[in-house]
Amino acid sequence: MIGTFNTIVEAVRFRATQTPDDTAFVYLTDGEDNENVLTYQQLHARASSIANRLAPVPKPASDPELLLLVYPQGLEFIEAFLGCLYSGTVAVPIAVPGKNRGAHKIDYLIQDAGLKTGLTTAKTFELLQKTFSHDAWFQSLTWLVTDTIPTAEPRDFPLPRPDDLALLQYTSGSTSQPKGVMVTHANILANSAFIRHAFQNDSSSVSVCWLPSFHDMGLIDGIIQPLYCGFKAVLLNPVHVVQRPLRWLRAFSKYGGTYGGAPNFIFDFCVDRSTPDERAGLDLSRVKHIYNAAEPIRASTMHRFAEAFEVSGFSPKSLFTCFGLAESTLAVTMCRVDRQPGLVTVDAEALTGGQLINRPAGTPGTRELVSSGWPMTDSVLRIVDPETGQECPEGEIGEIWTRGPSVTKGYWNQPNLTAEWFSGYTNTGEGPFLRTGDAGFFREDKGLFVTGRLKDLIIIRGANHYPQDIELTVEQSHEALARNAGAAFSVYTEAGEQLVVIHELKRVALPTAPVQDIAYAILREISLRHALAPVAVVLLRPNGVFKTTSGKVQRSACQRAFLENSLAEHYRWDSLHMNEKQP
């Protein structure tokens, strides 16, 4: 039963009343068999008890309190997040920092959002205190441990209004400093309705999600979509799945999972890190919709995954694609049950120049593109020349612009950036649009094709080059190179902008990899396929490429680390200094 709701708070209350004993969430603490289970009634009671501690006297919506949520993957995050929504406070989720990871981001968030209170679990607080007790950011916060709050009889809190702020979703910072996206309750409901409509989710669905809860995909789709539709969600820890990707698919098999999604890289991992016997032991026949939502989505990845898991009963028609970003709550376009992802094969060289020339599939010098679906009927999608504001003809590359009820209010405390990115108008005066900063083209019969980030474009001698094309060339140049583990970017030299490529070696290849041969193979393939000559080729140790929590390559961070000589280098061929750095 879907029901009619104005906020997700109403949805949870409704389910706690109508189906109190139904399972809302199952969290696999070890990624395999150990379960923590939460029913709708238990979730409602926990959220209400936490809300009572947060705001026994609710504050006006015009002056909400912002609360930092620092939680590991698990049910405690869901309880605390809903406790914030119940109490009218605004949740600001963030990853648990480690000794050498993430603390600078929390420090930035505290200053940017003016945060004064942090919520966490007792165990996490002990770890934070042990590591950061002398850090200014840790000392500046008043900490509330929520999993030790006694569960009390639920009380009724004033319902939030649809236009009230629900959370600040800080962007991953893949191309810039993180920004706090202001997401309202109405935004959440609109995007939840879009996702439900596209995939026809209902109370009989079962989702399996390993994406981080503090990330927009993990939160909006992994947690809120099940609450909105009233189906059971099985949750895993991202660390467990990255270690052994087949755990994700085993959960589908064990719990009868019908729905889920992940970035592009995990689909490759599932194929590369499984055996034929392991695949044959899975039952994926009940899967209706698994979506790939990385940017860009690789058509080869889709083909490999569908072929590899056909033996598991997986149907290629169950593999979908999406495009989205935090500034639009989550989803912008999605494939649907009745509209499968579209494929086109185009001339690769022409594509780098911003032109689309169709070629027969399998033609040398081509690139196969896969679409990311269509917008919801209550939203508008435009492909626009960012310099002139002129709408591009169908099939021509431009910047992707969107408007609709899922588009958020803008960036917290950033009026200039909000005006720049949320107030796009075409040269005919149509708007305002959210400018996504992504390049792509649209075909009504096949959907939206995302070709890359505008800011990531590499321009050398006046010619445009998409970094993901170069990265794929590098990856395929030698068997010792890891999948989805490279970055291409430009650096400024006396001769102008020049290309640099970095790529991780496979762990098993690290001790004996013929690094000089690998570097020369990379140089040769880039020259043949892109007519470019990198000034540096850097081979990295495993996990050396900077990525966001959702697996997107942070090219700007990689570029900074290269310039600062702080990459996890195993070998470097470098014409800038005319030397080779040996392992």
Protein backbone atom coordinates (compact mmCIF):
# COMPACT_ATOMS: atom_id res chain seq x y z
CA MET A 1 0.00 0.00 0.00
CA ILE A 2 1.51 3.32 -1.10
CA GLY A 3 -0.87 5.80 0.53
CA THR A 4 -0.97 9.56 -0.01
CA PHE A 5 1.64 11.44 2.00
CA ASN A 6 3.00 14.97 2.15
CA THR A 7 6.18 13.96 3.99
CA ILE A 8 8.06 10.76 4.68
CA VAL A 9 7.22 11.23 8.38
CA GLU A 10 3.56 10.62 7.54
CA ALA A 11 4.54 7.49 5.61
CA VAL A 12 6.39 6.00 8.59
CA ARG A 13 3.55 6.83 11.00
CA PHE A 14 1.05 5.29 8.59
CA ARG A 15 3.01 2.05 8.31
CA ALA A 16 3.58 1.86 12.08
CA THR A 17 -0.20 1.99 12.46
CA GLN A 18 -1.32 -0.18 9.54
CA THR A 19 1.48 -2.79 9.40
CA PRO A 20 3.33 -2.40 12.73
CA ASP A 21 4.90 -5.87 12.76
CA ASP A 22 6.09 -5.90 9.17
CA THR A 23 9.85 -5.83 8.70
CA ALA A 24 11.12 -2.47 7.54
CA PHE A 25 14.86 -3.16 7.46
CA VAL A 26 17.25 -6.08 7.79
CA TYR A 27 20.90 -5.16 8.30
CA LEU A 28 23.49 -7.87 7.68
CA THR A 29 26.15 -6.99 10.22
CA ASP A 30 28.74 -9.33 8.69
CA GLY A 31 27.57 -9.04 5.10
CA GLU A 32 26.42 -12.65 5.19
CA ASP A 33 24.07 -14.13 7.80
CA ASN A 34 24.00 -12.10 11.05
CA GLU A 35 20.83 -10.02 11.04
CA ASN A 36 19.61 -6.94 12.87
CA VAL A 37 15.90 -6.46 12.19
CA LEU A 38 13.69 -3.40 12.60
CA THR A 39 9.89 -3.42 12.25
CA TYR A 40 7.84 -0.35 11.41
CA GLN A 41 6.52 -0.12 14.97
CA GLN A 42 10.04 -0.37 16.41
CA LEU A 43 11.32 2.23 13.97
CA HIS A 44 8.51 4.63 14.82
CA ALA A 45 9.11 4.20 18.55
CA ARG A 46 12.88 4.71 18.22
CA ALA A 47 12.51 7.78 16.00
CA SER A 48 9.96 9.29 18.38
CA SER A 49 12.16 8.66 21.44
CA ILE A 50 15.18 10.28 19.75
CA ALA A 51 13.04 13.19 18.55
CA ASN A 52 11.85 13.79 22.10
CA ARG A 53 15.46 14.23 23.22
CA LEU A 54 16.32 16.45 20.27
CA ALA A 55 13.41 18.85 20.54
CA PRO A 56 11.03 18.36 23.44
CA VAL A 57 9.70 21.78 22.46
CA PRO A 58 9.74 21.95 18.63
CA LYS A 59 11.43 25.01 17.13
CA PRO A 60 9.75 27.02 14.38
CA ALA A 61 10.46 25.82 10.83
CA SER A 62 11.88 29.23 9.98
CA ASP A 63 14.77 28.63 12.40
CA PRO A 64 15.57 24.89 12.37
CA GLU A 65 18.53 23.41 14.19
CA LEU A 66 21.09 21.60 12.03
CA LEU A 67 22.49 18.35 13.44
CA LEU A 68 25.57 16.43 12.28
CA LEU A 69 24.94 12.69 11.89
CA VAL A 70 28.13 10.61 12.19
CA TYR A 71 27.08 6.98 11.92
CA PRO A 72 28.47 3.73 10.57
CA GLN A 73 26.25 1.72 8.26
CA GLY A 74 23.40 0.23 10.25
CA LEU A 75 19.94 0.70 11.68
CA GLU A 76 21.01 3.34 14.20
CA PHE A 77 21.49 5.85 11.40
CA ILE A 78 17.93 5.31 10.16
CA GLU A 79 16.52 5.80 13.65
CA ALA A 80 18.48 9.02 14.16
CA PHE A 81 17.70 10.39 10.69
CA LEU A 82 13.97 9.89 11.20
CA GLY A 83 14.29 11.29 14.72
CA CYS A 84 15.56 14.50 13.11
CA LEU A 85 12.63 14.58 10.69
CA TYR A 86 10.14 13.90 13.48
CA SER A 87 11.53 16.70 15.64
CA GLY A 88 11.74 19.31 12.89
CA THR A 89 15.54 19.47 13.03
CA VAL A 90 17.68 19.21 9.89
CA ALA A 91 19.92 16.18 9.38
CA VAL A 92 23.45 16.64 8.00
CA PRO A 93 24.80 13.11 7.30
CA ILE A 94 28.52 12.49 6.95
CA ALA A 95 30.84 9.48 6.82
CA VAL A 96 32.59 8.39 10.01
CA PRO A 97 36.09 9.87 9.71
CA GLY A 98 39.25 7.86 10.20
CA LYS A 99 42.64 8.92 11.44
CA ASN A 100 43.79 9.93 7.95
CA ARG A 101 40.44 10.24 6.21
CA GLY A 102 37.49 12.59 6.36
CA ALA A 103 38.27 14.79 9.36
CA HIS A 104 38.99 17.83 7.17
CA LYS A 105 35.54 17.45 5.58
CA ILE A 106 33.79 17.43 8.97
CA ASP A 107 35.77 20.49 9.97
CA TYR A 108 34.62 22.21 6.78
CA LEU A 109 30.97 21.16 7.32
CA ILE A 110 30.91 22.43 10.89
CA GLN A 111 32.06 25.84 9.75
CA ASP A 112 29.93 25.95 6.62
CA ALA A 113 26.68 24.88 8.30
CA GLY A 114 27.32 26.36 11.75
CA LEU A 115 26.88 22.97 13.38
CA LYS A 116 26.86 22.74 17.17
CA THR A 117 25.57 19.22 17.89
CA GLY A 118 26.71 15.82 16.67
CA LEU A 119 24.72 12.58 16.84
CA THR A 120 26.35 9.16 16.83
CA THR A 121 26.41 5.72 18.48
CA ALA A 122 28.17 4.87 21.72
CA LYS A 123 30.78 2.72 19.98
CA THR A 124 31.47 5.34 17.32
CA PHE A 125 31.75 8.07 19.91
CA GLU A 126 34.45 6.08 21.72
CA LEU A 127 36.40 5.74 18.46
CA LEU A 128 36.03 9.43 17.65
CA GLN A 129 37.06 10.43 21.15
CA LYS A 130 40.10 8.19 21.01
CA THR A 131 41.25 9.60 17.66
CA PHE A 132 40.07 13.23 17.66
CA SER A 133 39.65 14.29 21.29
CA HIS A 134 42.26 17.04 20.87
CA ASP A 135 40.93 18.29 17.52
CA ALA A 136 39.09 21.59 17.54
CA TRP A 137 36.18 20.31 15.44
CA PHE A 138 35.50 17.44 17.86
CA GLN A 139 35.67 19.70 20.90
CA SER A 140 33.36 22.28 19.29
CA LEU A 141 30.41 19.87 19.15
CA THR A 142 28.02 18.77 21.86
CA TRP A 143 27.60 15.04 21.31
CA LEU A 144 24.41 13.04 21.74
CA VAL A 145 24.67 9.23 21.74
CA THR A 146 21.33 8.03 20.38
CA ASP A 147 21.49 4.25 20.70
CA THR A 148 21.49 4.53 24.50
CA ILE A 149 18.32 6.67 24.60
CA PRO A 150 15.56 4.54 26.21
CA THR A 151 12.65 3.65 23.95
CA ALA A 152 9.51 5.37 25.21
CA GLU A 153 5.88 5.35 24.17
CA PRO A 154 5.67 7.21 20.83
CA ARG A 155 4.28 10.73 20.98
CA ASP A 156 2.83 12.87 18.24
CA PHE A 157 5.03 15.68 16.98
CA PRO A 158 3.76 18.45 14.73
CA LEU A 159 4.09 17.26 11.15
CA PRO A 160 6.67 19.10 9.07
CA ARG A 161 5.43 21.14 6.14
CA PRO A 162 6.34 19.97 2.62
CA ASP A 163 8.50 23.05 2.02
CA ASP A 164 10.41 22.68 5.29
CA LEU A 165 14.08 21.78 5.05
CA ALA A 166 14.64 18.06 5.75
CA LEU A 167 18.39 17.62 5.29
CA LEU A 168 21.59 19.10 3.99
CA GLN A 169 23.07 16.60 1.55
CA TYR A 170 26.68 17.58 1.08
CA THR A 171 27.96 16.84 -2.38
CA SER A 172 30.76 14.36 -2.76
CA GLY A 173 33.17 17.02 -3.98
CA SER A 174 34.22 15.11 -7.11
CA THR A 175 34.96 18.37 -8.93
CA SER A 176 34.96 21.03 -6.18
CA GLN A 177 34.63 21.77 -2.47
CA PRO A 178 31.55 20.00 -0.98
CA LYS A 179 28.39 22.09 -0.94
CA GLY A 180 25.35 21.61 1.29
CA VAL A 181 22.33 20.89 -0.92
CA MET A 182 19.10 22.03 0.76
CA VAL A 183 16.60 19.17 0.37
CA THR A 184 12.99 19.73 1.44
CA HIS A 185 10.36 17.20 2.46
CA ALA A 186 8.55 17.96 -0.82
CA ASN A 187 11.72 17.20 -2.80
CA ILE A 188 12.04 13.83 -1.07
CA LEU A 189 8.42 12.88 -1.78
CA ALA A 190 8.60 13.98 -5.42
CA ASN A 191 11.76 11.97 -6.10
CA SER A 192 10.41 8.96 -4.21
CA ALA A 193 7.27 9.03 -6.37
CA PHE A 194 9.43 9.21 -9.52
CA ILE A 195 11.52 6.20 -8.48
CA ARG A 196 8.43 4.18 -7.53
CA HIS A 197 6.71 4.99 -10.82
CA ALA A 198 9.77 4.14 -12.94
CA PHE A 199 10.38 0.76 -11.32
CA GLN A 200 6.79 -0.04 -10.28
CA ASN A 201 7.83 -0.72 -6.68
CA ASP A 202 5.13 -1.75 -4.23
CA SER A 203 4.79 -3.48 -0.85
CA SER A 204 5.80 -6.82 -2.39
CA SER A 205 9.18 -5.50 -3.53
CA VAL A 206 12.38 -6.36 -1.66
CA SER A 207 15.40 -4.08 -2.08
CA VAL A 208 19.04 -4.95 -1.44
CA CYS A 209 21.31 -1.96 -0.84
CA TRP A 210 24.94 -1.60 0.20
CA LEU A 211 25.40 2.08 -0.67
CA PRO A 212 26.47 4.38 2.19
CA SER A 213 23.50 5.77 4.10
CA PHE A 214 25.01 9.26 4.20
CA HIS A 215 25.19 9.31 0.38
CA ASP A 216 22.21 10.47 -1.70
CA MET A 217 21.74 7.09 -3.45
CA GLY A 218 22.00 5.15 -0.21
CA LEU A 219 19.67 7.50 1.64
CA ILE A 220 16.97 8.41 -0.89
CA ASP A 221 16.79 5.06 -2.68
CA GLY A 222 18.18 2.61 -0.13
CA ILE A 223 16.27 3.90 2.91
CA ILE A 224 13.51 6.32 1.95
CA GLN A 225 12.16 4.44 -1.10
CA PRO A 226 11.33 1.33 1.01
CA LEU A 227 9.62 3.51 3.61
CA TYR A 228 7.66 5.34 0.94
CA CYS A 229 6.46 2.15 -0.76
CA GLY A 230 6.21 -0.06 2.32
CA PHE A 231 8.56 -2.88 1.29
CA LYS A 232 11.37 -4.68 3.10
CA ALA A 233 14.93 -3.47 2.58
CA VAL A 234 18.05 -5.57 3.14
CA LEU A 235 21.10 -3.44 3.92
CA LEU A 236 24.80 -4.30 3.80
CA ASN A 237 27.99 -2.49 4.71
CA PRO A 238 29.85 -0.99 1.71
CA VAL A 239 33.15 -2.33 3.05
CA HIS A 240 31.84 -5.89 3.05
CA VAL A 241 30.59 -5.62 -0.53
CA VAL A 242 33.70 -3.99 -1.94
CA GLN A 243 35.76 -6.74 -0.27
CA ARG A 244 33.54 -9.47 -1.68
CA PRO A 245 31.10 -8.06 -4.27
CA LEU A 246 29.16 -11.30 -4.57
CA ARG A 247 27.75 -10.66 -1.09
CA TRP A 248 25.40 -8.13 -2.71
CA LEU A 249 24.02 -10.67 -5.17
CA ARG A 250 23.91 -13.44 -2.55
CA ALA A 251 21.59 -11.21 -0.52
CA PHE A 252 19.34 -10.89 -3.57
CA SER A 253 19.34 -14.68 -3.87
CA LYS A 254 18.74 -15.36 -0.17
CA TYR A 255 16.03 -12.76 0.50
CA GLY A 256 14.27 -12.83 -2.86
CA GLY A 257 15.49 -9.36 -3.74
CA THR A 258 13.63 -7.68 -6.58
CA TYR A 259 15.21 -4.23 -6.67
CA GLY A 260 18.50 -2.40 -6.14
CA GLY A 261 21.21 -0.35 -7.75
CA ALA A 262 24.87 0.56 -7.67
CA PRO A 263 27.59 2.49 -9.48
CA ASN A 264 29.14 1.08 -12.63
CA PHE A 265 32.30 -0.30 -11.01
CA ILE A 266 30.54 -2.81 -8.75
CA PHE A 267 28.99 -4.58 -11.75
CA ASP A 268 32.48 -5.18 -13.11
CA PHE A 269 33.64 -6.30 -9.68
CA CYS A 270 30.81 -8.85 -9.47
CA VAL A 271 31.97 -10.41 -12.74
CA ASP A 272 35.72 -10.20 -12.11
CA ARG A 273 35.59 -11.51 -8.55
CA SER A 274 33.27 -14.46 -8.97
CA THR A 275 33.67 -17.94 -10.42
CA PRO A 276 31.29 -19.76 -12.79
CA ASP A 277 30.38 -22.16 -9.96
CA GLU A 278 29.57 -19.28 -7.61
CA ARG A 279 27.33 -17.67 -10.22
CA ALA A 280 25.56 -20.95 -10.89
CA GLY A 281 24.77 -21.19 -7.17
CA LEU A 282 22.80 -17.95 -7.16
CA ASP A 283 19.09 -17.50 -7.81
CA LEU A 284 18.53 -14.09 -9.38
CA SER A 285 15.33 -15.06 -11.15
CA ARG A 286 13.22 -12.87 -8.87
CA VAL A 287 15.18 -9.70 -9.67
CA LYS A 288 12.97 -7.25 -11.54
CA HIS A 289 15.11 -4.12 -11.57
CA ILE A 290 18.81 -3.54 -10.93
CA TYR A 291 20.03 -0.14 -12.06
CA ASN A 292 23.47 1.18 -12.95
CA ALA A 293 23.75 4.84 -12.01
CA ALA A 294 27.41 5.79 -12.34
CA GLU A 295 28.55 8.47 -14.73
CA PRO A 296 29.35 7.53 -17.36
CA ILE A 297 27.76 4.10 -17.63
CA ARG A 298 29.81 1.68 -19.70
CA ALA A 299 27.86 -0.36 -22.21
CA SER A 300 30.53 -3.08 -22.02
CA THR A 301 29.90 -3.39 -18.29
CA MET A 302 26.18 -3.90 -18.87
CA HIS A 303 26.84 -6.61 -21.47
CA ARG A 304 29.39 -8.43 -19.30
CA PHE A 305 27.17 -8.48 -16.23
CA ALA A 306 24.07 -9.70 -18.07
CA GLU A 307 26.02 -12.46 -19.81
CA ALA A 308 27.91 -13.58 -16.71
CA PHE A 309 24.82 -13.92 -14.51
CA GLU A 310 22.46 -15.43 -17.06
CA VAL A 311 23.34 -18.76 -15.44
CA SER A 312 21.93 -17.35 -12.17
CA GLY A 313 18.54 -16.76 -13.77
CA PHE A 314 19.17 -13.03 -14.24
CA SER A 315 17.32 -11.48 -17.17
CA PRO A 316 19.04 -8.74 -19.22
CA LYS A 317 15.66 -6.96 -19.28
CA SER A 318 16.04 -6.42 -15.53
CA LEU A 319 19.15 -4.23 -15.99
CA PHE A 320 18.33 -0.53 -16.05
CA THR A 321 20.14 2.81 -16.00
CA CYS A 322 19.62 6.16 -14.31
CA PHE A 323 21.14 9.62 -14.11
CA GLY A 324 20.96 11.90 -11.11
CA LEU A 325 22.66 14.24 -8.69
CA ALA A 326 22.13 15.53 -5.17
CA GLU A 327 20.95 18.92 -6.46
CA SER A 328 17.88 17.14 -7.86
CA THR A 329 17.44 15.11 -4.63
CA LEU A 330 18.63 12.02 -6.52
CA ALA A 331 17.10 10.91 -9.83
CA VAL A 332 16.80 13.13 -12.92
CA THR A 333 16.17 10.48 -15.56
CA MET A 334 15.41 6.78 -15.28
CA CYS A 335 14.68 3.89 -17.55
CA ARG A 336 11.35 2.25 -16.88
CA VAL A 337 9.70 -1.12 -17.05
CA ASP A 338 8.36 -0.30 -20.51
CA ARG A 339 11.39 1.70 -21.74
CA GLN A 340 14.71 -0.11 -21.76
CA PRO A 341 18.12 1.62 -21.94
CA GLY A 342 18.99 2.77 -25.46
CA LEU A 343 22.30 2.04 -27.19
CA VAL A 344 24.05 4.02 -29.92
CA THR A 345 27.44 3.56 -31.55
CA VAL A 346 29.18 6.78 -32.53
CA ASP A 347 32.46 7.89 -34.05
CA ALA A 348 34.84 8.33 -31.09
CA GLU A 349 36.96 11.06 -32.68
CA ALA A 350 33.92 13.10 -33.71
CA LEU A 351 32.49 12.72 -30.19
CA THR A 352 35.54 14.38 -28.66
CA GLY A 353 34.83 17.37 -30.94
CA GLY A 354 31.24 17.58 -29.76
CA GLN A 355 29.76 15.91 -32.84
CA LEU A 356 27.63 12.78 -33.06
CA ILE A 357 28.19 10.58 -36.08
CA ASN A 358 26.42 7.23 -35.94
CA ARG A 359 28.43 4.17 -36.96
CA PRO A 360 27.59 0.46 -37.23
CA ALA A 361 28.21 -1.46 -34.03
CA GLY A 362 31.68 -2.97 -33.86
CA THR A 363 33.25 -0.47 -36.25
CA PRO A 364 36.84 0.38 -35.28
CA GLY A 365 37.27 3.85 -33.82
CA THR A 366 33.80 3.94 -32.29
CA ARG A 367 32.34 4.22 -28.83
CA GLU A 368 29.15 2.50 -27.68
CA LEU A 369 27.01 4.73 -25.49
CA VAL A 370 24.16 3.63 -23.23
CA SER A 371 21.33 5.96 -22.27
CA SER A 372 20.24 6.88 -18.75
CA GLY A 373 16.50 7.05 -19.30
CA TRP A 374 13.83 9.72 -19.48
CA PRO A 375 12.59 12.44 -17.09
CA MET A 376 9.37 12.21 -15.12
CA THR A 377 6.28 13.73 -16.75
CA ASP A 378 6.20 16.56 -14.20
CA SER A 379 9.82 17.53 -14.96
CA VAL A 380 11.48 19.28 -17.91
CA LEU A 381 14.80 18.27 -19.43
CA ARG A 382 16.74 20.49 -21.81
CA ILE A 383 20.09 20.18 -23.56
CA VAL A 384 21.52 23.70 -23.74
CA ASP A 385 24.59 25.43 -25.12
CA PRO A 386 26.02 26.79 -21.83
CA GLU A 387 27.65 29.75 -23.57
CA THR A 388 24.62 31.03 -25.52
CA GLY A 389 21.68 29.57 -23.61
CA GLN A 390 20.31 28.19 -26.88
CA GLU A 391 18.56 24.84 -26.69
CA CYS A 392 20.42 22.21 -28.71
CA PRO A 393 18.65 20.27 -31.45
CA GLU A 394 17.80 16.65 -30.62
CA GLY A 395 20.93 14.52 -30.70
CA GLU A 396 23.40 17.41 -30.25
CA ILE A 397 25.71 17.59 -27.24
CA GLY A 398 25.24 20.37 -24.70
CA GLU A 399 24.83 20.89 -20.97
CA ILE A 400 22.05 18.94 -19.25
CA TRP A 401 19.49 21.24 -17.60
CA THR A 402 16.49 20.12 -15.54
CA ARG A 403 13.56 21.63 -13.66
CA GLY A 404 10.77 20.06 -11.62
CA PRO A 405 9.60 19.26 -8.08
CA SER A 406 12.72 17.24 -7.27
CA VAL A 407 15.08 20.19 -7.86
CA THR A 408 16.23 21.42 -4.46
CA LYS A 409 16.38 24.94 -3.02
CA GLY A 410 20.05 25.43 -3.70
CA TYR A 411 23.26 25.46 -1.67
CA TRP A 412 23.30 26.27 2.02
CA ASN A 413 24.77 29.68 2.72
CA GLN A 414 25.98 29.97 -0.89
CA PRO A 415 23.68 32.52 -2.62
CA ASN A 416 26.08 33.24 -5.47
CA LEU A 417 26.62 29.58 -6.31
CA THR A 418 22.89 28.95 -5.98
CA ALA A 419 22.16 31.73 -8.45
CA GLU A 420 24.81 30.42 -10.84
CA TRP A 421 23.65 26.80 -10.90
CA PHE A 422 19.93 26.91 -10.02
CA SER A 423 18.86 29.88 -12.13
CA GLY A 424 19.59 28.83 -15.68
CA TYR A 425 17.48 30.45 -18.38
CA THR A 426 17.45 29.64 -22.07
CA ASN A 427 17.80 32.44 -24.60
CA THR A 428 14.02 32.29 -25.02
CA GLY A 429 13.49 33.03 -21.31
CA GLU A 430 12.47 29.52 -20.27
CA GLY A 431 13.50 28.68 -16.73
CA PRO A 432 14.69 28.62 -14.05
CA PHE A 433 16.63 25.39 -14.60
CA LEU A 434 19.17 23.52 -12.56
CA ARG A 435 22.38 23.45 -14.57
CA THR A 436 23.87 20.03 -13.85
CA GLY A 437 27.38 20.71 -15.18
CA ASP A 438 27.12 17.42 -17.09
CA ALA A 439 27.39 17.14 -20.86
CA GLY A 440 25.08 14.94 -22.88
CA PHE A 441 22.47 14.65 -25.58
CA PHE A 442 18.86 13.50 -25.74
CA ARG A 443 16.95 11.36 -28.19
CA GLU A 444 13.25 10.88 -27.58
CA ASP A 445 13.34 7.27 -28.72
CA LYS A 446 16.38 6.28 -26.66
CA GLY A 447 16.57 8.78 -23.77
CA LEU A 448 19.35 10.85 -22.21
CA PHE A 449 22.99 10.03 -22.96
CA VAL A 450 25.53 11.45 -20.48
CA THR A 451 28.93 11.99 -22.09
CA GLY A 452 30.84 13.46 -19.13
CA ARG A 453 31.41 16.41 -16.83
CA LEU A 454 31.89 19.77 -18.54
CA LYS A 455 34.53 20.74 -16.00
CA ASP A 456 36.43 17.50 -16.61
CA LEU A 457 36.84 18.08 -20.33
CA ILE A 458 40.49 18.03 -21.37
CA ILE A 459 41.26 20.66 -23.99
CA ILE A 460 44.61 20.26 -25.73
CA ARG A 461 45.52 22.31 -28.78
CA GLY A 462 41.91 23.40 -29.11
CA ALA A 463 40.51 19.87 -29.24
CA ASN A 464 38.14 18.44 -26.62
CA HIS A 465 38.83 15.04 -25.07
CA TYR A 466 36.59 13.22 -22.61
CA PRO A 467 38.72 11.85 -19.76
CA GLN A 468 36.64 8.70 -19.41
CA ASP A 469 37.47 7.77 -23.03
CA ILE A 470 41.19 8.08 -22.33
CA GLU A 471 40.81 6.20 -19.04
CA LEU A 472 39.13 3.29 -20.82
CA THR A 473 41.93 3.22 -23.39
CA VAL A 474 44.50 3.06 -20.60
CA GLU A 475 42.62 0.33 -18.74
CA GLN A 476 42.49 -1.85 -21.85
CA SER A 477 46.14 -1.32 -22.79
CA HIS A 478 47.57 -3.98 -20.46
CA GLU A 479 46.19 -6.90 -18.44
CA ALA A 480 48.06 -5.81 -15.27
CA LEU A 481 45.92 -2.67 -14.94
CA ALA A 482 42.90 -2.68 -12.62
CA ARG A 483 39.38 -1.97 -13.83
CA ASN A 484 37.73 1.39 -13.15
CA ALA A 485 40.86 2.58 -11.37
CA GLY A 486 42.38 5.37 -13.42
CA ALA A 487 42.20 9.10 -14.00
CA ALA A 488 43.08 11.35 -16.92
CA PHE A 489 43.51 15.09 -16.46
CA SER A 490 45.46 18.02 -17.80
CA VAL A 491 48.25 20.08 -16.24
CA TYR A 492 49.59 23.44 -17.34
CA THR A 493 53.15 23.55 -18.66
CA GLU A 494 55.20 26.07 -20.59
CA ALA A 495 53.94 24.40 -23.74
CA GLY A 496 50.29 24.80 -22.63
CA GLU A 497 47.82 22.23 -21.34
CA GLN A 498 49.21 18.69 -21.39
CA LEU A 499 47.78 15.26 -20.61
CA VAL A 500 48.61 13.18 -17.52
CA VAL A 501 47.25 9.69 -16.89
CA ILE A 502 47.41 7.69 -13.68
CA HIS A 503 46.20 4.14 -13.13
CA GLU A 504 46.24 1.47 -10.43
CA LEU A 505 47.97 -1.86 -10.90
CA LYS A 506 46.14 -5.03 -9.94
CA ARG A 507 47.23 -6.23 -6.52
CA VAL A 508 48.27 -9.63 -7.86
CA ALA A 509 50.38 -7.97 -10.56
CA LEU A 510 52.16 -5.56 -8.24
CA PRO A 511 55.27 -7.64 -7.36
CA THR A 512 56.21 -8.63 -10.90
CA ALA A 513 54.51 -6.10 -13.17
CA PRO A 514 56.73 -5.05 -16.12
CA VAL A 515 56.13 -1.39 -15.35
CA GLN A 516 58.17 0.09 -18.17
CA ASP A 517 56.42 -2.10 -20.73
CA ILE A 518 53.04 -1.12 -19.24
CA ALA A 519 53.86 2.58 -19.44
CA TYR A 520 54.97 2.24 -23.06
CA ALA A 521 51.79 0.28 -23.89
CA ILE A 522 49.72 3.11 -22.41
CA LEU A 523 51.62 5.71 -24.40
CA ARG A 524 51.23 3.72 -27.60
CA GLU A 525 47.48 3.17 -27.23
CA ILE A 526 46.75 6.80 -26.34
CA SER A 527 48.73 7.93 -29.36
CA LEU A 528 46.90 5.53 -31.68
CA ARG A 529 43.38 6.13 -30.39
CA HIS A 530 43.46 9.78 -29.34
CA ALA A 531 46.45 11.31 -31.17
CA LEU A 532 47.76 12.55 -27.83
CA ALA A 533 51.12 12.27 -26.08
CA PRO A 534 50.89 12.27 -22.26
CA VAL A 535 53.65 14.12 -20.46
CA ALA A 536 53.40 11.68 -17.55
CA VAL A 537 52.17 8.14 -16.94
CA VAL A 538 51.93 7.12 -13.29
CA LEU A 539 51.26 3.58 -12.16
CA LEU A 540 49.74 3.46 -8.69
CA ARG A 541 49.47 0.96 -5.90
CA PRO A 542 45.95 -0.45 -5.27
CA ASN A 543 43.46 2.12 -3.90
CA GLY A 544 45.71 4.94 -5.07
CA VAL A 545 43.09 6.73 -7.16
CA PHE A 546 40.98 9.26 -5.26
CA LYS A 547 37.27 8.42 -5.41
CA THR A 548 34.05 9.59 -3.83
CA THR A 549 32.09 7.30 -1.53
CA SER A 550 29.97 6.25 -4.51
CA GLY A 551 32.99 5.24 -6.55
CA LYS A 552 33.31 8.27 -8.82
CA VAL A 553 36.85 9.23 -9.70
CA GLN A 554 37.87 12.57 -8.17
CA ARG A 555 39.96 13.84 -11.05
CA SER A 556 40.60 17.23 -9.47
CA ALA A 557 41.92 15.56 -6.30
CA CYS A 558 44.11 13.26 -8.41
CA GLN A 559 45.43 16.29 -10.28
CA ARG A 560 46.28 18.08 -7.03
CA ALA A 561 48.04 15.02 -5.64
CA PHE A 562 50.07 14.68 -8.86
CA LEU A 563 51.17 18.30 -8.69
CA GLU A 564 52.01 17.92 -4.99
CA ASN A 565 53.90 14.64 -5.57
CA SER A 566 51.67 12.89 -3.05
CA LEU A 567 50.23 10.06 -5.16
CA ALA A 568 50.72 6.44 -4.08
CA GLU A 569 53.18 5.92 -6.92
CA HIS A 570 54.66 2.57 -7.87
CA TYR A 571 56.27 3.77 -11.10
CA ARG A 572 56.34 7.02 -13.06
CA TRP A 573 57.27 7.76 -16.64
CA ASP A 574 57.60 11.53 -16.79
CA SER A 575 58.73 13.59 -19.78
CA LEU A 576 58.30 16.77 -17.78
CA HIS A 577 61.43 15.97 -15.83
CA MET A 578 62.89 13.52 -18.36
CA ASN A 579 63.21 10.78 -15.79
CA GLU A 580 61.59 7.57 -14.68
CA LYS A 581 60.74 6.99 -11.04
CA GLN A 582 61.39 3.33 -10.30
CA PRO A 583 59.43 1.21 -7.78
